[in-house]
Structure formats: structure tokens, C-alpha cells
Amino acid sequence: MPKFLIHLFTLLALVWSGPALADVQIHFHSVNGSVLFGRYPHTFFVLEGTLESNGKAVNENYGFSARKATTAVLRGPVEHMVLAEKPKFIKKTNRHFSMTITDEQYYRIIAEKDKWQNAPGKYYSLDTRNCIHFVGTMAKILGLKVEYPEDMLRRPKKWLNHVTALNPQLGAKQI
């Protein structure tokens, strides 16, 4: 085989087998919910992709909720939890918008999630620290404009549509 073909095949092999493009996507979701079917309205985010720094595969999701769904939630702060949704359930939810994030943003989001998860005491409040505030905090880390209108604090779908409208650079449509 001529030398130039060997060099050409070697070059093609190097290009072909080079490092994969790494990126992590964050997707913002809402759940319509129904008291009749045992699921309250909710919002959460999904992280998926590959970290550039170490090639680690990412497939995670996080939401924030009261540890127990009781009427105590109506009276003030209650015990909290960060929860993950099952993949089968995620497919049935509303994906409002997605963004590609850097490794640094990913680690900042995970650190913030850990703060919410590990906060001592009763940390969940319907009015001041619910799933909307949790997801909004993550959106702010990514530089998105976020507001918490009082009439949307228990309406995650409407709230994420509001965030979509506040951030036209996302190019997302309202649901």
C-alpha cells in the first residue's frame, strides 16, 4: 500500500476515534397534577448527557417536595426532600425548555441541590420554598430571569410558561 494511503487512513482513524463531544442538557419539566389521582402539580429538572472534564455519563433528575403530603403543609414549613422521578413518569410530563450547560454549571447545580437536600429542620413551605423556588434557583444559576408571581406559586406549568416568556433567548414555546 502506498505511504500516502497509510498516512491518510491513520489520519482518518485519529479523527474518527477522537474524543466524543461532551455536553450536558438540562430540561425543565412540569406535572399538571390532579388531587383526584394522587399527584399534585409539580416542577422538576432533568440532567442528561456527558461531562466534558471526565466523560462521566449524566442521567439524573431532581425535584423538591414535602416529605409527607398532609394538611400540615397548609400551616407552615414541614420536613422536605429532594426526589427523583422514574423515567417512565418523566415521559408523561411537560418539557418546557432545555439548555446545554457547562461542567461548571452542572457542578454548581448539584451543589445547590445538595444544600436544599441537606438543610436541617423543616425547609419546605408552599409559599416561600416549594418545587417552584427550587427549580427557579437552578434557572438563576444558569443566568435565566426568574420571578415568582404569587398567583403562580402552586401552578408549576403556568409558572414555567412565565419563565419561558421572561427568557425569549430560549426560543421555547409555551405549553
N, C-alpha and C. Protein backbone atom coordinates (compact mmCIF):
# COMPACT_ATOMS: atom_id res chain seq x y z
N MET A 1 0.86 -1.17 0.00
CA MET A 1 0.00 0.00 0.00
C MET A 1 0.91 1.24 0.00
N PRO A 2 0.61 2.22 -0.84
CA PRO A 2 1.44 3.43 -0.87
C PRO A 2 1.41 4.16 0.47
N LYS A 3 2.52 4.82 0.78
CA LYS A 3 2.69 5.52 2.06
C LYS A 3 1.61 6.57 2.29
N PHE A 4 1.26 7.31 1.23
CA PHE A 4 0.27 8.37 1.45
C PHE A 4 -1.09 7.80 1.85
N LEU A 5 -1.45 6.60 1.38
CA LEU A 5 -2.71 5.97 1.80
C LEU A 5 -2.64 5.54 3.26
N ILE A 6 -1.50 5.05 3.67
CA ILE A 6 -1.32 4.66 5.08
C ILE A 6 -1.49 5.89 5.97
N HIS A 7 -0.86 6.99 5.56
CA HIS A 7 -0.98 8.23 6.34
C HIS A 7 -2.43 8.74 6.33
N LEU A 8 -3.09 8.63 5.19
CA LEU A 8 -4.48 9.08 5.08
C LEU A 8 -5.38 8.26 6.00
N PHE A 9 -5.23 6.93 5.97
CA PHE A 9 -6.04 6.07 6.84
C PHE A 9 -5.74 6.31 8.31
N THR A 10 -4.47 6.55 8.62
CA THR A 10 -4.10 6.84 10.01
C THR A 10 -4.75 8.14 10.48
N LEU A 11 -4.71 9.15 9.63
CA LEU A 11 -5.32 10.43 9.96
C LEU A 11 -6.83 10.28 10.14
N LEU A 12 -7.47 9.56 9.24
CA LEU A 12 -8.92 9.33 9.35
C LEU A 12 -9.26 8.57 10.63
N ALA A 13 -8.45 7.59 10.97
CA ALA A 13 -8.68 6.82 12.20
C ALA A 13 -8.58 7.70 13.43
N LEU A 14 -7.60 8.60 13.44
CA LEU A 14 -7.43 9.51 14.58
C LEU A 14 -8.61 10.47 14.69
N VAL A 15 -9.04 11.02 13.57
CA VAL A 15 -10.18 11.93 13.58
C VAL A 15 -11.44 11.19 14.00
N TRP A 16 -11.63 10.02 13.44
CA TRP A 16 -12.84 9.24 13.71
C TRP A 16 -12.94 8.83 15.17
N SER A 17 -11.80 8.47 15.79
CA SER A 17 -11.82 7.96 17.16
C SER A 17 -11.48 9.02 18.19
N GLY A 18 -11.48 10.30 17.79
CA GLY A 18 -11.18 11.37 18.72
C GLY A 18 -12.20 11.44 19.84
N PRO A 19 -11.97 12.30 20.80
CA PRO A 19 -12.88 12.38 21.93
C PRO A 19 -14.28 12.80 21.48
N ALA A 20 -15.26 12.17 22.10
CA ALA A 20 -16.65 12.49 21.77
C ALA A 20 -16.97 13.89 22.27
N LEU A 21 -17.82 14.56 21.56
CA LEU A 21 -18.26 15.87 22.03
C LEU A 21 -19.08 15.67 23.30
N ALA A 22 -18.70 16.36 24.34
CA ALA A 22 -19.37 16.20 25.62
C ALA A 22 -20.27 17.40 25.87
N ASP A 23 -21.45 17.12 26.33
CA ASP A 23 -22.32 18.20 26.79
C ASP A 23 -23.41 17.61 27.68
N VAL A 24 -23.89 18.45 28.56
CA VAL A 24 -24.98 18.07 29.44
C VAL A 24 -26.14 19.00 29.13
N GLN A 25 -27.30 18.42 29.01
CA GLN A 25 -28.53 19.17 28.79
C GLN A 25 -29.30 19.22 30.10
N ILE A 26 -29.94 20.36 30.36
CA ILE A 26 -30.88 20.45 31.47
C ILE A 26 -32.25 20.74 30.85
N HIS A 27 -33.23 19.99 31.30
CA HIS A 27 -34.60 20.11 30.80
C HIS A 27 -35.50 20.49 31.98
N PHE A 28 -36.35 21.46 31.77
CA PHE A 28 -37.26 21.94 32.81
C PHE A 28 -38.66 21.39 32.55
N HIS A 29 -39.20 20.66 33.51
CA HIS A 29 -40.47 19.96 33.36
C HIS A 29 -41.51 20.43 34.38
N SER A 30 -42.77 20.26 34.00
CA SER A 30 -43.87 20.43 34.95
C SER A 30 -44.79 19.23 34.87
N VAL A 31 -45.50 19.01 35.95
CA VAL A 31 -46.51 17.96 36.05
C VAL A 31 -47.82 18.67 36.31
N ASN A 32 -48.82 18.37 35.51
CA ASN A 32 -50.11 19.03 35.69
C ASN A 32 -50.73 18.69 37.04
N GLY A 33 -50.66 17.44 37.42
CA GLY A 33 -51.18 17.02 38.72
C GLY A 33 -52.68 16.95 38.77
N SER A 34 -53.15 16.18 39.73
CA SER A 34 -54.58 16.03 39.96
C SER A 34 -54.76 15.48 41.36
N VAL A 35 -55.45 16.21 42.18
CA VAL A 35 -55.70 15.75 43.55
C VAL A 35 -56.48 14.44 43.51
N LEU A 36 -57.37 14.29 42.52
CA LEU A 36 -58.17 13.07 42.40
C LEU A 36 -57.33 11.84 42.11
N PHE A 37 -56.21 12.02 41.41
CA PHE A 37 -55.38 10.88 41.06
C PHE A 37 -54.09 10.81 41.89
N GLY A 38 -54.06 11.54 42.99
CA GLY A 38 -52.98 11.42 43.95
C GLY A 38 -51.66 12.06 43.56
N ARG A 39 -51.68 12.96 42.61
CA ARG A 39 -50.44 13.62 42.20
C ARG A 39 -50.67 15.11 42.16
N TYR A 40 -49.93 15.85 42.95
CA TYR A 40 -50.09 17.30 42.97
C TYR A 40 -49.28 17.94 41.84
N PRO A 41 -49.65 19.14 41.42
CA PRO A 41 -48.83 19.86 40.43
C PRO A 41 -47.40 19.97 40.96
N HIS A 42 -46.45 19.88 40.04
CA HIS A 42 -45.05 19.79 40.46
C HIS A 42 -44.15 20.27 39.32
N THR A 43 -42.95 20.73 39.66
CA THR A 43 -41.93 21.03 38.67
C THR A 43 -40.61 20.43 39.11
N PHE A 44 -39.79 20.06 38.13
CA PHE A 44 -38.51 19.45 38.41
C PHE A 44 -37.61 19.64 37.18
N PHE A 45 -36.36 19.24 37.29
CA PHE A 45 -35.46 19.34 36.14
C PHE A 45 -34.73 18.02 35.93
N VAL A 46 -34.34 17.80 34.68
CA VAL A 46 -33.63 16.59 34.28
C VAL A 46 -32.26 17.01 33.75
N LEU A 47 -31.25 16.28 34.14
CA LEU A 47 -29.89 16.48 33.63
C LEU A 47 -29.48 15.22 32.88
N GLU A 48 -29.03 15.39 31.63
CA GLU A 48 -28.57 14.22 30.90
C GLU A 48 -27.50 14.61 29.89
N GLY A 49 -26.59 13.70 29.66
CA GLY A 49 -25.51 13.94 28.72
C GLY A 49 -24.20 13.39 29.26
N THR A 50 -23.11 14.05 28.88
CA THR A 50 -21.77 13.61 29.26
C THR A 50 -20.95 14.81 29.69
N LEU A 51 -20.29 14.70 30.83
CA LEU A 51 -19.43 15.77 31.30
C LEU A 51 -18.16 15.81 30.45
N GLU A 52 -17.77 16.99 30.09
CA GLU A 52 -16.59 17.17 29.25
C GLU A 52 -15.30 16.82 29.99
N SER A 53 -15.23 17.20 31.26
CA SER A 53 -13.98 17.06 32.02
C SER A 53 -13.56 15.62 32.25
N ASN A 54 -14.52 14.72 32.43
CA ASN A 54 -14.14 13.35 32.77
C ASN A 54 -14.91 12.27 31.98
N GLY A 55 -15.79 12.68 31.09
CA GLY A 55 -16.54 11.72 30.29
C GLY A 55 -17.64 11.00 31.04
N LYS A 56 -17.93 11.44 32.27
CA LYS A 56 -18.96 10.79 33.09
C LYS A 56 -20.33 10.99 32.44
N ALA A 57 -21.08 9.91 32.32
CA ALA A 57 -22.44 9.98 31.81
C ALA A 57 -23.35 10.54 32.91
N VAL A 58 -24.23 11.43 32.53
CA VAL A 58 -25.16 12.06 33.47
C VAL A 58 -26.59 11.70 33.06
N ASN A 59 -27.36 11.20 34.01
CA ASN A 59 -28.78 10.91 33.78
C ASN A 59 -29.47 11.00 35.13
N GLU A 60 -29.85 12.21 35.50
CA GLU A 60 -30.38 12.48 36.83
C GLU A 60 -31.57 13.41 36.71
N ASN A 61 -32.42 13.42 37.71
CA ASN A 61 -33.48 14.41 37.78
C ASN A 61 -33.78 14.71 39.24
N TYR A 62 -34.21 15.95 39.48
CA TYR A 62 -34.44 16.38 40.86
C TYR A 62 -35.64 17.31 40.96
N GLY A 63 -36.40 17.08 41.99
CA GLY A 63 -37.49 17.96 42.35
C GLY A 63 -37.47 18.15 43.86
N PHE A 64 -38.24 19.07 44.35
CA PHE A 64 -38.27 19.38 45.78
C PHE A 64 -39.70 19.27 46.26
N SER A 65 -39.88 18.62 47.41
CA SER A 65 -41.25 18.38 47.88
C SER A 65 -41.28 18.26 49.40
N ALA A 66 -42.49 18.26 49.91
CA ALA A 66 -42.70 17.94 51.32
C ALA A 66 -42.47 16.44 51.47
N ARG A 67 -41.89 16.05 52.58
CA ARG A 67 -41.64 14.62 52.82
C ARG A 67 -42.96 13.85 52.91
N LYS A 68 -43.99 14.47 53.50
CA LYS A 68 -45.30 13.83 53.63
C LYS A 68 -46.36 14.80 53.12
N ALA A 69 -47.30 14.28 52.36
CA ALA A 69 -48.41 15.10 51.86
C ALA A 69 -49.54 15.08 52.89
N THR A 70 -49.50 16.05 53.80
CA THR A 70 -50.54 16.15 54.82
C THR A 70 -51.02 17.60 54.87
N THR A 71 -52.07 17.84 55.63
CA THR A 71 -52.58 19.20 55.77
C THR A 71 -51.62 20.11 56.52
N ALA A 72 -50.61 19.55 57.17
CA ALA A 72 -49.60 20.36 57.87
C ALA A 72 -48.91 21.32 56.89
N VAL A 73 -48.84 20.94 55.62
CA VAL A 73 -48.23 21.79 54.59
C VAL A 73 -48.94 23.14 54.53
N LEU A 74 -50.22 23.17 54.81
CA LEU A 74 -51.00 24.40 54.74
C LEU A 74 -50.73 25.34 55.91
N ARG A 75 -50.14 24.84 56.99
CA ARG A 75 -49.92 25.64 58.19
C ARG A 75 -48.52 26.21 58.33
N GLY A 76 -47.59 25.77 57.52
CA GLY A 76 -46.24 26.31 57.65
C GLY A 76 -45.20 25.33 57.18
N PRO A 77 -43.94 25.63 57.45
CA PRO A 77 -42.87 24.76 56.98
C PRO A 77 -43.00 23.34 57.53
N VAL A 78 -42.66 22.38 56.65
CA VAL A 78 -42.68 20.96 57.01
C VAL A 78 -41.38 20.32 56.53
N GLU A 79 -41.17 19.08 56.96
CA GLU A 79 -39.98 18.35 56.52
C GLU A 79 -39.98 18.25 55.00
N HIS A 80 -38.80 18.28 54.43
CA HIS A 80 -38.62 18.35 52.98
C HIS A 80 -37.84 17.16 52.47
N MET A 81 -37.82 17.04 51.13
CA MET A 81 -36.97 16.04 50.48
C MET A 81 -36.71 16.47 49.04
N VAL A 82 -35.57 16.07 48.54
CA VAL A 82 -35.28 16.17 47.11
C VAL A 82 -35.60 14.79 46.56
N LEU A 83 -36.38 14.76 45.50
CA LEU A 83 -36.80 13.48 44.97
C LEU A 83 -36.47 13.34 43.50
N ALA A 84 -36.43 12.10 43.04
CA ALA A 84 -36.18 11.80 41.62
C ALA A 84 -37.42 11.10 41.06
N GLU A 85 -37.76 11.46 39.84
CA GLU A 85 -38.89 10.84 39.16
C GLU A 85 -38.41 9.62 38.37
N LYS A 86 -39.30 8.66 38.19
CA LYS A 86 -38.97 7.48 37.38
C LYS A 86 -39.01 7.86 35.89
N PRO A 87 -38.09 7.30 35.10
CA PRO A 87 -38.04 7.64 33.67
C PRO A 87 -39.39 7.48 32.95
N LYS A 88 -40.11 6.45 33.30
CA LYS A 88 -41.42 6.21 32.67
C LYS A 88 -42.38 7.37 32.94
N PHE A 89 -42.31 7.92 34.16
CA PHE A 89 -43.17 9.04 34.53
C PHE A 89 -42.75 10.32 33.80
N ILE A 90 -41.44 10.53 33.67
CA ILE A 90 -40.93 11.76 33.04
C ILE A 90 -41.50 11.91 31.63
N LYS A 91 -41.63 10.81 30.92
CA LYS A 91 -42.16 10.85 29.55
C LYS A 91 -43.57 11.43 29.48
N LYS A 92 -44.31 11.38 30.59
CA LYS A 92 -45.69 11.85 30.63
C LYS A 92 -45.81 13.30 31.08
N THR A 93 -44.69 13.96 31.34
CA THR A 93 -44.72 15.32 31.86
C THR A 93 -44.50 16.34 30.75
N ASN A 94 -44.62 17.60 31.10
CA ASN A 94 -44.42 18.69 30.13
C ASN A 94 -42.97 19.14 30.16
N ARG A 95 -42.28 19.02 29.02
CA ARG A 95 -40.92 19.57 28.92
C ARG A 95 -41.06 20.96 28.34
N HIS A 96 -40.74 21.97 29.15
CA HIS A 96 -40.93 23.36 28.75
C HIS A 96 -39.77 23.90 27.91
N PHE A 97 -38.55 23.68 28.34
CA PHE A 97 -37.40 24.13 27.58
C PHE A 97 -36.16 23.39 28.06
N SER A 98 -35.12 23.45 27.22
CA SER A 98 -33.85 22.77 27.52
C SER A 98 -32.70 23.72 27.23
N MET A 99 -31.60 23.46 27.88
CA MET A 99 -30.37 24.25 27.67
C MET A 99 -29.17 23.32 27.77
N THR A 100 -28.13 23.64 27.03
CA THR A 100 -26.85 22.97 27.20
C THR A 100 -26.09 23.74 28.27
N ILE A 101 -25.54 22.99 29.22
CA ILE A 101 -24.81 23.64 30.32
C ILE A 101 -23.37 23.16 30.35
N THR A 102 -22.53 23.95 30.99
CA THR A 102 -21.12 23.60 31.14
C THR A 102 -20.95 22.67 32.34
N ASP A 103 -19.79 22.06 32.41
CA ASP A 103 -19.48 21.23 33.59
C ASP A 103 -19.57 22.07 34.86
N GLU A 104 -19.05 23.30 34.80
CA GLU A 104 -19.08 24.18 35.98
C GLU A 104 -20.53 24.43 36.42
N GLN A 105 -21.40 24.71 35.48
CA GLN A 105 -22.82 24.93 35.82
C GLN A 105 -23.43 23.66 36.39
N TYR A 106 -23.10 22.52 35.82
CA TYR A 106 -23.60 21.25 36.34
C TYR A 106 -23.21 21.09 37.81
N TYR A 107 -21.93 21.31 38.12
CA TYR A 107 -21.48 21.13 39.50
C TYR A 107 -22.09 22.17 40.44
N ARG A 108 -22.32 23.37 39.96
CA ARG A 108 -22.99 24.39 40.78
C ARG A 108 -24.43 23.97 41.08
N ILE A 109 -25.11 23.41 40.09
CA ILE A 109 -26.49 22.95 40.29
C ILE A 109 -26.52 21.80 41.29
N ILE A 110 -25.60 20.86 41.15
CA ILE A 110 -25.56 19.72 42.09
C ILE A 110 -25.25 20.21 43.51
N ALA A 111 -24.34 21.16 43.65
CA ALA A 111 -24.02 21.70 44.98
C ALA A 111 -25.24 22.39 45.59
N GLU A 112 -25.98 23.13 44.78
CA GLU A 112 -27.19 23.80 45.28
C GLU A 112 -28.27 22.78 45.64
N LYS A 113 -28.42 21.76 44.81
CA LYS A 113 -29.37 20.67 45.11
C LYS A 113 -29.03 20.05 46.45
N ASP A 114 -27.74 19.80 46.68
CA ASP A 114 -27.30 19.21 47.95
C ASP A 114 -27.63 20.11 49.14
N LYS A 115 -27.49 21.43 48.97
CA LYS A 115 -27.83 22.37 50.05
C LYS A 115 -29.31 22.24 50.42
N TRP A 116 -30.16 22.19 49.40
CA TRP A 116 -31.59 22.06 49.66
C TRP A 116 -31.89 20.69 50.30
N GLN A 117 -31.26 19.67 49.82
CA GLN A 117 -31.50 18.32 50.32
C GLN A 117 -31.04 18.16 51.76
N ASN A 118 -29.92 18.76 52.10
CA ASN A 118 -29.32 18.56 53.42
C ASN A 118 -29.63 19.66 54.43
N ALA A 119 -30.50 20.58 54.07
CA ALA A 119 -30.87 21.65 55.00
C ALA A 119 -31.52 21.03 56.25
N PRO A 120 -31.13 21.50 57.41
CA PRO A 120 -31.70 20.93 58.64
C PRO A 120 -33.13 21.44 58.89
N GLY A 121 -33.89 20.64 59.59
CA GLY A 121 -35.21 21.07 60.01
C GLY A 121 -36.26 21.01 58.94
N LYS A 122 -37.27 21.84 59.14
CA LYS A 122 -38.42 21.89 58.24
C LYS A 122 -38.17 22.98 57.21
N TYR A 123 -37.96 22.59 55.97
CA TYR A 123 -37.46 23.51 54.95
C TYR A 123 -38.46 23.72 53.81
N TYR A 124 -39.52 22.92 53.74
CA TYR A 124 -40.49 23.05 52.65
C TYR A 124 -41.64 23.95 53.09
N SER A 125 -41.95 24.94 52.26
CA SER A 125 -43.07 25.83 52.51
C SER A 125 -43.80 26.08 51.20
N LEU A 126 -45.11 25.91 51.20
CA LEU A 126 -45.89 26.13 49.98
C LEU A 126 -45.70 27.54 49.42
N ASP A 127 -45.52 28.51 50.29
CA ASP A 127 -45.47 29.89 49.85
C ASP A 127 -44.06 30.45 49.63
N THR A 128 -43.05 29.89 50.28
CA THR A 128 -41.72 30.50 50.18
C THR A 128 -40.60 29.55 49.77
N ARG A 129 -40.85 28.25 49.77
CA ARG A 129 -39.77 27.30 49.46
C ARG A 129 -40.36 25.99 48.98
N ASN A 130 -40.95 26.03 47.79
CA ASN A 130 -41.53 24.82 47.23
C ASN A 130 -40.77 24.40 45.98
N CYS A 131 -41.35 23.49 45.19
CA CYS A 131 -40.65 22.99 44.00
C CYS A 131 -40.37 24.11 42.99
N ILE A 132 -41.23 25.10 42.93
CA ILE A 132 -41.03 26.22 42.01
C ILE A 132 -39.80 27.03 42.43
N HIS A 133 -39.64 27.29 43.70
CA HIS A 133 -38.48 28.03 44.18
C HIS A 133 -37.18 27.23 43.93
N PHE A 134 -37.27 25.92 44.13
CA PHE A 134 -36.12 25.04 43.90
C PHE A 134 -35.68 25.11 42.43
N VAL A 135 -36.61 24.89 41.51
CA VAL A 135 -36.29 24.92 40.08
C VAL A 135 -35.88 26.34 39.65
N GLY A 136 -36.53 27.35 40.22
CA GLY A 136 -36.16 28.73 39.92
C GLY A 136 -34.74 29.05 40.34
N THR A 137 -34.31 28.52 41.46
CA THR A 137 -32.93 28.73 41.91
C THR A 137 -31.95 28.14 40.90
N MET A 138 -32.27 26.96 40.38
CA MET A 138 -31.40 26.34 39.37
C MET A 138 -31.38 27.16 38.08
N ALA A 139 -32.53 27.67 37.69
CA ALA A 139 -32.62 28.51 36.48
C ALA A 139 -31.78 29.78 36.64
N LYS A 140 -31.80 30.36 37.84
CA LYS A 140 -30.99 31.56 38.09
C LYS A 140 -29.50 31.25 37.99
N ILE A 141 -29.08 30.08 38.44
CA ILE A 141 -27.68 29.68 38.31
C ILE A 141 -27.26 29.72 36.85
N LEU A 142 -28.19 29.42 35.96
CA LEU A 142 -27.90 29.39 34.52
C LEU A 142 -28.07 30.75 33.86
N GLY A 143 -28.36 31.77 34.67
CA GLY A 143 -28.48 33.12 34.14
C GLY A 143 -29.84 33.47 33.60
N LEU A 144 -30.85 32.65 33.88
CA LEU A 144 -32.20 32.95 33.41
C LEU A 144 -32.87 33.95 34.33
N LYS A 145 -33.76 34.74 33.75
CA LYS A 145 -34.57 35.66 34.54
C LYS A 145 -35.71 34.85 35.14
N VAL A 146 -35.92 35.02 36.45
CA VAL A 146 -36.94 34.25 37.17
C VAL A 146 -37.70 35.19 38.09
N GLU A 147 -39.00 35.04 38.09
CA GLU A 147 -39.88 35.75 39.02
C GLU A 147 -40.82 34.73 39.64
N TYR A 148 -41.39 35.10 40.78
CA TYR A 148 -42.30 34.22 41.49
C TYR A 148 -43.63 34.93 41.75
N PRO A 149 -44.44 35.16 40.72
CA PRO A 149 -45.74 35.80 40.95
C PRO A 149 -46.58 34.97 41.93
N GLU A 150 -47.21 35.65 42.85
CA GLU A 150 -47.96 34.98 43.90
C GLU A 150 -49.03 34.03 43.35
N ASP A 151 -49.67 34.42 42.25
CA ASP A 151 -50.75 33.57 41.71
C ASP A 151 -50.22 32.34 40.97
N MET A 152 -48.89 32.17 40.90
CA MET A 152 -48.31 31.01 40.21
C MET A 152 -47.56 30.07 41.15
N LEU A 153 -47.50 30.38 42.42
CA LEU A 153 -46.69 29.60 43.35
C LEU A 153 -47.16 28.16 43.54
N ARG A 154 -48.36 27.87 43.11
CA ARG A 154 -48.88 26.49 43.19
C ARG A 154 -49.33 26.00 41.81
N ARG A 155 -48.80 26.66 40.79
CA ARG A 155 -49.16 26.31 39.41
C ARG A 155 -47.90 26.19 38.56
N PRO A 156 -47.18 25.08 38.70
CA PRO A 156 -45.88 24.92 38.03
C PRO A 156 -45.91 25.09 36.51
N LYS A 157 -46.91 24.57 35.85
CA LYS A 157 -46.98 24.70 34.39
C LYS A 157 -47.11 26.18 34.00
N LYS A 158 -47.99 26.88 34.65
CA LYS A 158 -48.17 28.31 34.37
C LYS A 158 -46.88 29.07 34.69
N TRP A 159 -46.24 28.71 35.80
CA TRP A 159 -45.01 29.39 36.19
C TRP A 159 -43.89 29.15 35.17
N LEU A 160 -43.70 27.90 34.73
CA LEU A 160 -42.65 27.65 33.74
C LEU A 160 -42.96 28.33 32.41
N ASN A 161 -44.23 28.46 32.06
CA ASN A 161 -44.59 29.24 30.87
C ASN A 161 -44.21 30.71 31.08
N HIS A 162 -44.37 31.20 32.28
CA HIS A 162 -43.98 32.57 32.61
C HIS A 162 -42.46 32.74 32.49
N VAL A 163 -41.69 31.79 33.00
CA VAL A 163 -40.23 31.84 32.89
C VAL A 163 -39.83 31.79 31.41
N THR A 164 -40.51 30.97 30.64
CA THR A 164 -40.26 30.90 29.19
C THR A 164 -40.45 32.28 28.56
N ALA A 165 -41.53 32.96 28.92
CA ALA A 165 -41.82 34.29 28.36
C ALA A 165 -40.78 35.32 28.81
N LEU A 166 -40.26 35.18 30.01
CA LEU A 166 -39.24 36.11 30.52
C LEU A 166 -37.89 35.92 29.83
N ASN A 167 -37.70 34.79 29.17
CA ASN A 167 -36.41 34.44 28.58
C ASN A 167 -36.58 34.07 27.10
N PRO A 168 -36.87 35.05 26.25
CA PRO A 168 -37.11 34.74 24.83
C PRO A 168 -35.89 34.15 24.13
N GLN A 169 -34.69 34.35 24.68
CA GLN A 169 -33.48 33.77 24.08
C GLN A 169 -33.53 32.25 24.07
N LEU A 170 -34.41 31.64 24.86
CA LEU A 170 -34.54 30.19 24.87
C LEU A 170 -35.15 29.66 23.59
N GLY A 171 -35.94 30.51 22.93
CA GLY A 171 -36.62 30.08 21.70
C GLY A 171 -37.64 29.00 21.96
N ALA A 172 -38.16 28.94 23.16
CA ALA A 172 -39.13 27.90 23.54
C ALA A 172 -40.56 28.41 23.41
N LYS A 173 -41.45 27.50 23.11
CA LYS A 173 -42.88 27.83 23.03
C LYS A 173 -43.53 27.49 24.37
N GLN A 174 -44.56 28.25 24.69
CA GLN A 174 -45.29 27.95 25.91
C GLN A 174 -46.18 26.73 25.70
N ILE A 175 -46.40 26.01 26.78
CA ILE A 175 -47.23 24.79 26.74
C ILE A 175 -48.61 25.13 27.26
